[in-house]
Amino acid sequence: ERVWANRFVSQETIAQRIKILRQALGDDAHDPRYIRVLRGQGYELI
């Protein structure tokens, strides 16, 4: 709703954009400092 203005986007699209954000911030999916993924639920800023 917020980023794509209610256009249909897949979970994969959102996950890919999160991955791009993490890479830019130098975050590690296995030991995150910025973004926590709660599988099937969403994301949290740490």
All heavy atoms as atom14 arrays in JSON, in Angstrom:
{
  "sequence": "ERVWANRFVSQETIAQRIKILRQALGDDAHDPRYIRVLRGQGYELI",
  "atom14_mask": [
    [1, 1, 1, 1, 1, 1, 1, 1, 1, 0, 0, 0, 0, 0],
    [1, 1, 1, 1, 1, 1, 1, 1, 1, 1, 1, 0, 0, 0],
    [1, 1, 1, 1, 1, 1, 1, 0, 0, 0, 0, 0, 0, 0],
    [1, 1, 1, 1, 1, 1, 1, 1, 1, 1, 1, 1, 1, 1],
    [1, 1, 1, 1, 1, 0, 0, 0, 0, 0, 0, 0, 0, 0],
    [1, 1, 1, 1, 1, 1, 1, 1, 0, 0, 0, 0, 0, 0],
    [1, 1, 1, 1, 1, 1, 1, 1, 1, 1, 1, 0, 0, 0],
    [1, 1, 1, 1, 1, 1, 1, 1, 1, 1, 1, 0, 0, 0],
    [1, 1, 1, 1, 1, 1, 1, 0, 0, 0, 0, 0, 0, 0],
    [1, 1, 1, 1, 1, 1, 0, 0, 0, 0, 0, 0, 0, 0],
    [1, 1, 1, 1, 1, 1, 1, 1, 1, 0, 0, 0, 0, 0],
    [1, 1, 1, 1, 1, 1, 1, 1, 1, 0, 0, 0, 0, 0],
    [1, 1, 1, 1, 1, 1, 1, 0, 0, 0, 0, 0, 0, 0],
    [1, 1, 1, 1, 1, 1, 1, 1, 0, 0, 0, 0, 0, 0],
    [1, 1, 1, 1, 1, 0, 0, 0, 0, 0, 0, 0, 0, 0],
    [1, 1, 1, 1, 1, 1, 1, 1, 1, 0, 0, 0, 0, 0],
    [1, 1, 1, 1, 1, 1, 1, 1, 1, 1, 1, 0, 0, 0],
    [1, 1, 1, 1, 1, 1, 1, 1, 0, 0, 0, 0, 0, 0],
    [1, 1, 1, 1, 1, 1, 1, 1, 1, 0, 0, 0, 0, 0],
    [1, 1, 1, 1, 1, 1, 1, 1, 0, 0, 0, 0, 0, 0],
    [1, 1, 1, 1, 1, 1, 1, 1, 0, 0, 0, 0, 0, 0],
    [1, 1, 1, 1, 1, 1, 1, 1, 1, 1, 1, 0, 0, 0],
    [1, 1, 1, 1, 1, 1, 1, 1, 1, 0, 0, 0, 0, 0],
    [1, 1, 1, 1, 1, 0, 0, 0, 0, 0, 0, 0, 0, 0],
    [1, 1, 1, 1, 1, 1, 1, 1, 0, 0, 0, 0, 0, 0],
    [1, 1, 1, 1, 0, 0, 0, 0, 0, 0, 0, 0, 0, 0],
    [1, 1, 1, 1, 1, 1, 1, 1, 0, 0, 0, 0, 0, 0],
    [1, 1, 1, 1, 1, 1, 1, 1, 0, 0, 0, 0, 0, 0],
    [1, 1, 1, 1, 1, 0, 0, 0, 0, 0, 0, 0, 0, 0],
    [1, 1, 1, 1, 1, 1, 1, 1, 1, 1, 0, 0, 0, 0],
    [1, 1, 1, 1, 1, 1, 1, 1, 0, 0, 0, 0, 0, 0],
    [1, 1, 1, 1, 1, 1, 1, 0, 0, 0, 0, 0, 0, 0],
    [1, 1, 1, 1, 1, 1, 1, 1, 1, 1, 1, 0, 0, 0],
    [1, 1, 1, 1, 1, 1, 1, 1, 1, 1, 1, 1, 0, 0],
    [1, 1, 1, 1, 1, 1, 1, 1, 0, 0, 0, 0, 0, 0],
    [1, 1, 1, 1, 1, 1, 1, 1, 1, 1, 1, 0, 0, 0],
    [1, 1, 1, 1, 1, 1, 1, 0, 0, 0, 0, 0, 0, 0],
    [1, 1, 1, 1, 1, 1, 1, 1, 0, 0, 0, 0, 0, 0],
    [1, 1, 1, 1, 1, 1, 1, 1, 1, 1, 1, 0, 0, 0],
    [1, 1, 1, 1, 0, 0, 0, 0, 0, 0, 0, 0, 0, 0],
    [1, 1, 1, 1, 1, 1, 1, 1, 1, 0, 0, 0, 0, 0],
    [1, 1, 1, 1, 0, 0, 0, 0, 0, 0, 0, 0, 0, 0],
    [1, 1, 1, 1, 1, 1, 1, 1, 1, 1, 1, 1, 0, 0],
    [1, 1, 1, 1, 1, 1, 1, 1, 1, 0, 0, 0, 0, 0],
    [1, 1, 1, 1, 1, 1, 1, 1, 0, 0, 0, 0, 0, 0],
    [1, 1, 1, 1, 1, 1, 1, 1, 0, 0, 0, 0, 0, 0]
  ],
  "atom14_positions": [
    [[0.83, -1.22, 0.0], [0.0, 0.0, 0.0], [0.85, 1.26, 0.0], [0.62, 2.19, -0.76], [-0.9, -0.02, 1.23], [-1.82, 1.16, 1.35], [-2.68, 1.06, 2.59], [-3.26, -0.01, 2.84], [-2.75, 2.07, 3.32], [0.0, 0.0, 0.0], [0.0, 0.0, 0.0], [0.0, 0.0, 0.0], [0.0, 0.0, 0.0], [0.0, 0.0, 0.0]],
    [[1.87, 1.28, 0.84], [2.69, 2.48, 1.01], [3.67, 2.72, -0.14], [3.78, 3.81, -0.66], [3.44, 2.38, 2.34], [4.58, 3.35, 2.52], [4.09, 4.72, 2.96], [5.15, 5.68, 2.95], [5.87, 6.03, 4.01], [5.62, 5.5, 5.17], [6.82, 6.92, 3.9], [0.0, 0.0, 0.0], [0.0, 0.0, 0.0], [0.0, 0.0, 0.0]],
    [[4.38, 1.67, -0.53], [5.48, 1.83, -1.49], [5.0, 1.7, -2.93], [5.46, 2.41, -3.8], [6.61, 0.82, -1.18], [7.75, 0.96, -2.18], [7.12, 1.01, 0.24], [0.0, 0.0, 0.0], [0.0, 0.0, 0.0], [0.0, 0.0, 0.0], [0.0, 0.0, 0.0], [0.0, 0.0, 0.0], [0.0, 0.0, 0.0], [0.0, 0.0, 0.0]],
    [[4.08, 0.8, -3.15], [3.63, 0.54, -4.53], [2.22, 1.07, -4.79], [1.61, 0.73, -5.79], [3.71, -0.95, -4.83], [5.11, -1.42, -5.03], [5.79, -1.43, -6.21], [6.01, -1.93, -4.05], [7.06, -1.92, -6.01], [7.23, -2.24, -4.69], [5.93, -2.17, -2.68], [8.33, -2.77, -4.02], [7.02, -2.69, -2.02], [8.2, -2.98, -2.68]],
    [[1.71, 1.89, -3.91], [0.39, 2.54, -4.07], [-0.71, 1.55, -4.46], [-1.47, 1.79, -5.39], [0.49, 3.68, -5.09], [0.0, 0.0, 0.0], [0.0, 0.0, 0.0], [0.0, 0.0, 0.0], [0.0, 0.0, 0.0], [0.0, 0.0, 0.0], [0.0, 0.0, 0.0], [0.0, 0.0, 0.0], [0.0, 0.0, 0.0], [0.0, 0.0, 0.0]],
    [[-0.76, 0.45, -3.72], [-1.81, -0.56, -3.9], [-1.78, -1.28, -5.23], [-2.73, -1.96, -5.57], [-3.19, 0.01, -3.64], [-3.46, 0.13, -2.16], [-3.04, -0.7, -1.37], [-4.16, 1.18, -1.78], [0.0, 0.0, 0.0], [0.0, 0.0, 0.0], [0.0, 0.0, 0.0], [0.0, 0.0, 0.0], [0.0, 0.0, 0.0], [0.0, 0.0, 0.0]],
    [[-0.72, -1.12, -6.02], [-0.59, -1.95, -7.22], [-0.22, -3.35, -6.75], [0.43, -3.53, -5.73], [0.49, -1.41, -8.15], [0.03, -0.15, -8.88], [1.14, 0.37, -9.69], [2.01, 1.06, -8.73], [3.06, 1.77, -9.03], [3.45, 1.87, -10.27], [3.77, 2.37, -8.12], [0.0, 0.0, 0.0], [0.0, 0.0, 0.0], [0.0, 0.0, 0.0]],
    [[-0.64, -4.32, -7.5], [-0.32, -5.69, -7.11], [1.18, -5.92, -7.24], [1.76, -5.69, -8.3], [-1.07, -6.72, -7.97], [-0.67, -8.12, -7.63], [-1.15, -8.73, -6.49], [0.25, -8.8, -8.41], [-0.75, -10.01, -6.14], [0.66, -10.09, -8.08], [0.15, -10.69, -6.93], [0.0, 0.0, 0.0], [0.0, 0.0, 0.0], [0.0, 0.0, 0.0]],
    [[1.77, -6.35, -6.16], [3.17, -6.78, -6.17], [3.24, -8.1, -5.41], [2.55, -8.29, -4.42], [4.14, -5.75, -5.55], [4.25, -4.52, -6.39], [3.77, -5.4, -4.14], [0.0, 0.0, 0.0], [0.0, 0.0, 0.0], [0.0, 0.0, 0.0], [0.0, 0.0, 0.0], [0.0, 0.0, 0.0], [0.0, 0.0, 0.0], [0.0, 0.0, 0.0]],
    [[4.05, -8.98, -5.9], [4.18, -10.29, -5.26], [5.04, -10.2, -4.0], [5.8, -9.24, -3.81], [4.8, -11.29, -6.23], [6.15, -10.95, -6.48], [0.0, 0.0, 0.0], [0.0, 0.0, 0.0], [0.0, 0.0, 0.0], [0.0, 0.0, 0.0], [0.0, 0.0, 0.0], [0.0, 0.0, 0.0], [0.0, 0.0, 0.0], [0.0, 0.0, 0.0]],
    [[4.93, -11.22, -3.18], [5.79, -11.3, -2.0], [7.26, -11.34, -2.42], [8.11, -10.8, -1.74], [5.44, -12.55, -1.18], [4.08, -12.46, -0.54], [3.73, -13.72, 0.24], [4.5, -14.67, 0.32], [2.55, -13.73, 0.83], [0.0, 0.0, 0.0], [0.0, 0.0, 0.0], [0.0, 0.0, 0.0], [0.0, 0.0, 0.0], [0.0, 0.0, 0.0]],
    [[7.51, -11.98, -3.56], [8.89, -12.07, -4.06], [9.43, -10.68, -4.43], [10.59, -10.38, -4.18], [8.95, -13.0, -5.27], [10.34, -13.17, -5.84], [11.35, -13.77, -4.86], [10.96, -14.53, -3.95], [12.54, -13.46, -5.0], [0.0, 0.0, 0.0], [0.0, 0.0, 0.0], [0.0, 0.0, 0.0], [0.0, 0.0, 0.0], [0.0, 0.0, 0.0]],
    [[8.58, -9.84, -5.01], [9.0, -8.48, -5.36], [9.39, -7.71, -4.11], [10.43, -7.03, -4.07], [7.88, -7.74, -6.11], [7.59, -8.45, -7.32], [8.25, -6.3, -6.42], [0.0, 0.0, 0.0], [0.0, 0.0, 0.0], [0.0, 0.0, 0.0], [0.0, 0.0, 0.0], [0.0, 0.0, 0.0], [0.0, 0.0, 0.0], [0.0, 0.0, 0.0]],
    [[8.57, -7.81, -3.07], [8.87, -7.13, -1.81], [10.15, -7.7, -1.2], [11.03, -6.94, -0.76], [7.68, -7.23, -0.84], [6.48, -6.47, -1.42], [8.06, -6.69, 0.54], [5.18, -6.67, -0.68], [0.0, 0.0, 0.0], [0.0, 0.0, 0.0], [0.0, 0.0, 0.0], [0.0, 0.0, 0.0], [0.0, 0.0, 0.0], [0.0, 0.0, 0.0]],
    [[10.29, -9.03, -1.2], [11.49, -9.66, -0.65], [12.74, -9.21, -1.41], [13.79, -8.96, -0.8], [11.35, -11.18, -0.7], [0.0, 0.0, 0.0], [0.0, 0.0, 0.0], [0.0, 0.0, 0.0], [0.0, 0.0, 0.0], [0.0, 0.0, 0.0], [0.0, 0.0, 0.0], [0.0, 0.0, 0.0], [0.0, 0.0, 0.0], [0.0, 0.0, 0.0]],
    [[12.65, -9.09, -2.73], [13.79, -8.64, -3.53], [14.16, -7.19, -3.19], [15.33, -6.85, -3.1], [13.49, -8.77, -5.03], [13.62, -10.19, -5.53], [15.02, -10.74, -5.32], [15.24, -11.56, -4.43], [15.97, -10.3, -6.1], [0.0, 0.0, 0.0], [0.0, 0.0, 0.0], [0.0, 0.0, 0.0], [0.0, 0.0, 0.0], [0.0, 0.0, 0.0]],
    [[13.16, -6.34, -3.0], [13.43, -4.94, -2.66], [14.03, -4.85, -1.26], [14.93, -4.04, -1.02], [12.15, -4.12, -2.8], [12.34, -2.64, -2.67], [13.32, -2.04, -3.64], [12.9, -2.17, -5.02], [13.47, -1.52, -6.03], [14.47, -0.69, -5.81], [13.05, -1.7, -7.25], [0.0, 0.0, 0.0], [0.0, 0.0, 0.0], [0.0, 0.0, 0.0]],
    [[13.58, -5.69, -0.35], [14.18, -5.74, 0.99], [15.64, -6.17, 0.87], [16.53, -5.61, 1.52], [13.4, -6.7, 1.92], [12.04, -6.11, 2.33], [14.23, -7.07, 3.16], [12.08, -4.99, 3.33], [0.0, 0.0, 0.0], [0.0, 0.0, 0.0], [0.0, 0.0, 0.0], [0.0, 0.0, 0.0], [0.0, 0.0, 0.0], [0.0, 0.0, 0.0]],
    [[15.91, -7.14, 0.02], [17.28, -7.61, -0.21], [18.15, -6.47, -0.75], [19.29, -6.29, -0.31], [17.27, -8.78, -1.19], [18.63, -9.37, -1.45], [18.54, -10.54, -2.4], [19.92, -11.09, -2.7], [19.85, -12.21, -3.65], [0.0, 0.0, 0.0], [0.0, 0.0, 0.0], [0.0, 0.0, 0.0], [0.0, 0.0, 0.0], [0.0, 0.0, 0.0]],
    [[17.63, -5.69, -1.68], [18.36, -4.54, -2.23], [18.65, -3.52, -1.14], [19.76, -2.99, -1.04], [17.58, -3.91, -3.4], [17.56, -4.86, -4.59], [18.15, -2.54, -3.79], [16.57, -4.47, -5.68], [0.0, 0.0, 0.0], [0.0, 0.0, 0.0], [0.0, 0.0, 0.0], [0.0, 0.0, 0.0], [0.0, 0.0, 0.0], [0.0, 0.0, 0.0]],
    [[17.65, -3.24, -0.29], [17.84, -2.3, 0.81], [18.9, -2.82, 1.77], [19.8, -2.08, 2.17], [16.51, -2.06, 1.54], [16.56, -1.18, 2.78], [17.13, 0.21, 2.46], [15.17, -1.06, 3.4], [0.0, 0.0, 0.0], [0.0, 0.0, 0.0], [0.0, 0.0, 0.0], [0.0, 0.0, 0.0], [0.0, 0.0, 0.0], [0.0, 0.0, 0.0]],
    [[18.82, -4.09, 2.12], [19.81, -4.68, 3.02], [21.22, -4.58, 2.44], [22.17, -4.25, 3.16], [19.49, -6.14, 3.27], [18.43, -6.34, 4.28], [18.3, -7.8, 4.51], [17.98, -8.0, 5.91], [17.41, -9.09, 6.35], [17.13, -10.08, 5.54], [17.14, -9.21, 7.62], [0.0, 0.0, 0.0], [0.0, 0.0, 0.0], [0.0, 0.0, 0.0]],
    [[21.36, -4.87, 1.15], [22.68, -4.78, 0.52], [23.21, -3.36, 0.6], [24.39, -3.14, 0.91], [22.61, -5.25, -0.92], [22.46, -6.74, -1.06], [22.23, -7.19, -2.5], [21.81, -6.42, -3.35], [22.5, -8.46, -2.76], [0.0, 0.0, 0.0], [0.0, 0.0, 0.0], [0.0, 0.0, 0.0], [0.0, 0.0, 0.0], [0.0, 0.0, 0.0]],
    [[22.37, -2.38, 0.32], [22.8, -0.99, 0.36], [23.23, -0.57, 1.76], [24.18, 0.2, 1.93], [21.68, -0.08, -0.14], [0.0, 0.0, 0.0], [0.0, 0.0, 0.0], [0.0, 0.0, 0.0], [0.0, 0.0, 0.0], [0.0, 0.0, 0.0], [0.0, 0.0, 0.0], [0.0, 0.0, 0.0], [0.0, 0.0, 0.0], [0.0, 0.0, 0.0]],
    [[22.54, -1.1, 2.78], [22.85, -0.74, 4.16], [23.98, -1.58, 4.76], [24.44, -1.3, 5.86], [21.6, -0.88, 5.04], [20.41, 0.0, 4.68], [19.25, -0.28, 5.62], [20.78, 1.47, 4.66], [0.0, 0.0, 0.0], [0.0, 0.0, 0.0], [0.0, 0.0, 0.0], [0.0, 0.0, 0.0], [0.0, 0.0, 0.0], [0.0, 0.0, 0.0]],
    [[24.39, -2.61, 4.02], [25.42, -3.51, 4.55], [24.87, -4.45, 5.61], [25.58, -4.86, 6.52], [0.0, 0.0, 0.0], [0.0, 0.0, 0.0], [0.0, 0.0, 0.0], [0.0, 0.0, 0.0], [0.0, 0.0, 0.0], [0.0, 0.0, 0.0], [0.0, 0.0, 0.0], [0.0, 0.0, 0.0], [0.0, 0.0, 0.0], [0.0, 0.0, 0.0]],
    [[23.58, -4.77, 5.5], [22.93, -5.65, 6.47], [23.1, -7.1, 6.03], [23.23, -7.39, 4.86], [21.43, -5.29, 6.54], [20.78, -5.7, 7.84], [21.5, -6.07, 8.79], [19.54, -5.64, 7.92], [0.0, 0.0, 0.0], [0.0, 0.0, 0.0], [0.0, 0.0, 0.0], [0.0, 0.0, 0.0], [0.0, 0.0, 0.0], [0.0, 0.0, 0.0]],
    [[23.1, -8.0, 6.99], [23.28, -9.41, 6.73], [22.01, -10.15, 7.12], [21.56, -10.05, 8.27], [24.47, -9.92, 7.55], [24.77, -11.39, 7.36], [23.96, -12.12, 6.77], [25.84, -11.82, 7.84], [0.0, 0.0, 0.0], [0.0, 0.0, 0.0], [0.0, 0.0, 0.0], [0.0, 0.0, 0.0], [0.0, 0.0, 0.0], [0.0, 0.0, 0.0]],
    [[21.43, -10.89, 6.2], [20.18, -11.61, 6.47], [20.34, -12.63, 7.6], [19.39, -12.91, 8.32], [19.69, -12.31, 5.2], [0.0, 0.0, 0.0], [0.0, 0.0, 0.0], [0.0, 0.0, 0.0], [0.0, 0.0, 0.0], [0.0, 0.0, 0.0], [0.0, 0.0, 0.0], [0.0, 0.0, 0.0], [0.0, 0.0, 0.0], [0.0, 0.0, 0.0]],
    [[21.54, -13.17, 7.77], [21.78, -14.19, 8.8], [22.09, -13.58, 10.16], [21.91, -14.24, 11.19], [22.9, -15.13, 8.37], [22.6, -15.82, 7.08], [21.64, -16.8, 6.97], [23.09, -15.63, 5.83], [21.57, -17.2, 5.71], [22.44, -16.5, 5.0], [0.0, 0.0, 0.0], [0.0, 0.0, 0.0], [0.0, 0.0, 0.0], [0.0, 0.0, 0.0]],
    [[22.55, -12.36, 10.2], [22.85, -11.65, 11.44], [22.45, -10.18, 11.25], [23.31, -9.3, 11.16], [24.34, -11.78, 11.77], [24.68, -11.21, 13.13], [23.77, -11.09, 13.98], [25.86, -10.87, 13.35], [0.0, 0.0, 0.0], [0.0, 0.0, 0.0], [0.0, 0.0, 0.0], [0.0, 0.0, 0.0], [0.0, 0.0, 0.0], [0.0, 0.0, 0.0]],
    [[21.14, -9.92, 11.16], [20.68, -8.57, 10.79], [20.94, -7.51, 11.86], [20.81, -7.78, 13.05], [19.18, -8.76, 10.56], [18.81, -9.94, 11.38], [20.03, -10.83, 11.4], [0.0, 0.0, 0.0], [0.0, 0.0, 0.0], [0.0, 0.0, 0.0], [0.0, 0.0, 0.0], [0.0, 0.0, 0.0], [0.0, 0.0, 0.0], [0.0, 0.0, 0.0]],
    [[21.31, -6.32, 11.39], [21.48, -5.16, 12.26], [20.37, -4.13, 12.04], [20.13, -3.29, 12.88], [22.81, -4.46, 11.99], [24.01, -5.27, 12.33], [25.3, -4.51, 12.08], [25.23, -3.73, 10.85], [26.01, -2.71, 10.57], [26.92, -2.31, 11.42], [25.91, -2.07, 9.43], [0.0, 0.0, 0.0], [0.0, 0.0, 0.0], [0.0, 0.0, 0.0]],
    [[19.75, -4.17, 10.85], [18.76, -3.15, 10.49], [17.35, -3.7, 10.29], [16.39, -3.1, 10.75], [19.18, -2.42, 9.21], [20.47, -1.66, 9.35], [21.64, -2.15, 8.8], [20.52, -0.47, 10.06], [22.83, -1.46, 8.94], [21.71, 0.22, 10.21], [22.86, -0.28, 9.65], [24.04, 0.4, 9.79], [0.0, 0.0, 0.0], [0.0, 0.0, 0.0]],
    [[17.22, -4.79, 9.56], [15.89, -5.28, 9.19], [15.73, -6.74, 9.59], [16.52, -7.6, 9.19], [15.66, -5.14, 7.67], [15.8, -3.68, 7.26], [14.28, -5.69, 7.27], [15.88, -3.46, 5.77], [0.0, 0.0, 0.0], [0.0, 0.0, 0.0], [0.0, 0.0, 0.0], [0.0, 0.0, 0.0], [0.0, 0.0, 0.0], [0.0, 0.0, 0.0]],
    [[14.7, -6.99, 10.39], [14.37, -8.36, 10.8], [13.19, -8.84, 9.96], [12.21, -8.13, 9.8], [13.98, -8.38, 12.27], [13.58, -9.76, 12.79], [13.25, -9.75, 14.28], [14.43, -9.34, 15.04], [14.45, -8.29, 15.88], [13.39, -7.54, 16.04], [15.54, -7.99, 16.54], [0.0, 0.0, 0.0], [0.0, 0.0, 0.0], [0.0, 0.0, 0.0]],
    [[13.31, -10.05, 9.44], [12.23, -10.66, 8.66], [11.49, -11.62, 9.56], [12.11, -12.49, 10.18], [12.79, -11.42, 7.43], [11.67, -12.1, 6.67], [13.57, -10.49, 6.52], [0.0, 0.0, 0.0], [0.0, 0.0, 0.0], [0.0, 0.0, 0.0], [0.0, 0.0, 0.0], [0.0, 0.0, 0.0], [0.0, 0.0, 0.0], [0.0, 0.0, 0.0]],
    [[10.19, -11.48, 9.63], [9.35, -12.44, 10.33], [8.59, -13.19, 9.26], [7.6, -12.69, 8.72], [8.43, -11.72, 11.32], [9.26, -11.12, 12.46], [8.91, -9.69, 12.69], [9.08, -11.96, 13.68], [0.0, 0.0, 0.0], [0.0, 0.0, 0.0], [0.0, 0.0, 0.0], [0.0, 0.0, 0.0], [0.0, 0.0, 0.0], [0.0, 0.0, 0.0]],
    [[9.12, -14.33, 8.89], [8.63, -15.11, 7.75], [7.11, -15.24, 7.75], [6.51, -15.64, 8.73], [9.28, -16.48, 7.78], [9.23, -17.21, 6.47], [10.27, -18.32, 6.51], [10.48, -19.0, 5.28], [11.05, -18.5, 4.2], [11.44, -17.27, 4.18], [11.24, -19.23, 3.13], [0.0, 0.0, 0.0], [0.0, 0.0, 0.0], [0.0, 0.0, 0.0]],
    [[6.52, -14.86, 6.63], [5.08, -14.95, 6.46], [4.3, -13.85, 7.15], [3.08, -13.79, 7.04], [0.0, 0.0, 0.0], [0.0, 0.0, 0.0], [0.0, 0.0, 0.0], [0.0, 0.0, 0.0], [0.0, 0.0, 0.0], [0.0, 0.0, 0.0], [0.0, 0.0, 0.0], [0.0, 0.0, 0.0], [0.0, 0.0, 0.0], [0.0, 0.0, 0.0]],
    [[4.99, -12.97, 7.9], [4.31, -11.91, 8.63], [4.68, -10.52, 8.12], [3.81, -9.69, 7.91], [4.63, -12.0, 10.12], [4.15, -13.27, 10.77], [4.56, -13.31, 12.21], [4.44, -12.32, 12.93], [5.05, -14.45, 12.65], [0.0, 0.0, 0.0], [0.0, 0.0, 0.0], [0.0, 0.0, 0.0], [0.0, 0.0, 0.0], [0.0, 0.0, 0.0]],
    [[5.98, -10.28, 8.0], [6.41, -8.96, 7.56], [7.82, -8.65, 7.99], [8.64, -9.56, 8.17], [0.0, 0.0, 0.0], [0.0, 0.0, 0.0], [0.0, 0.0, 0.0], [0.0, 0.0, 0.0], [0.0, 0.0, 0.0], [0.0, 0.0, 0.0], [0.0, 0.0, 0.0], [0.0, 0.0, 0.0], [0.0, 0.0, 0.0], [0.0, 0.0, 0.0]],
    [[8.09, -7.37, 8.22], [9.45, -6.88, 8.47], [9.43, -5.88, 9.62], [8.46, -5.16, 9.81], [10.0, -6.2, 7.22], [9.95, -7.1, 6.01], [8.85, -7.11, 5.17], [11.0, -7.96, 5.72], [8.79, -7.95, 4.07], [10.95, -8.81, 4.62], [9.85, -8.79, 3.8], [9.79, -9.63, 2.71], [0.0, 0.0, 0.0], [0.0, 0.0, 0.0]],
    [[10.54, -5.83, 10.35], [10.71, -4.87, 11.43], [12.06, -4.17, 11.28], [13.05, -4.81, 10.92], [10.72, -5.55, 12.8], [9.44, -6.15, 13.22], [9.57, -6.89, 14.55], [10.67, -7.36, 14.9], [8.54, -6.99, 15.23], [0.0, 0.0, 0.0], [0.0, 0.0, 0.0], [0.0, 0.0, 0.0], [0.0, 0.0, 0.0], [0.0, 0.0, 0.0]],
    [[12.07, -2.9, 11.61], [13.32, -2.16, 11.7], [13.89, -2.45, 13.08], [13.19, -2.29, 14.09], [13.04, -0.67, 11.51], [14.24, 0.21, 11.21], [14.92, -0.21, 9.91], [13.8, 1.66, 11.12], [0.0, 0.0, 0.0], [0.0, 0.0, 0.0], [0.0, 0.0, 0.0], [0.0, 0.0, 0.0], [0.0, 0.0, 0.0], [0.0, 0.0, 0.0]],
    [[15.13, -2.89, 13.16], [15.73, -3.3, 14.43], [16.18, -2.11, 15.29], [15.79, -2.01, 16.44], [16.89, -4.29, 14.19], [16.35, -5.57, 13.56], [17.63, -4.59, 15.49], [17.41, -6.54, 13.07], [0.0, 0.0, 0.0], [0.0, 0.0, 0.0], [0.0, 0.0, 0.0], [0.0, 0.0, 0.0], [0.0, 0.0, 0.0], [0.0, 0.0, 0.0]]
  ]
}
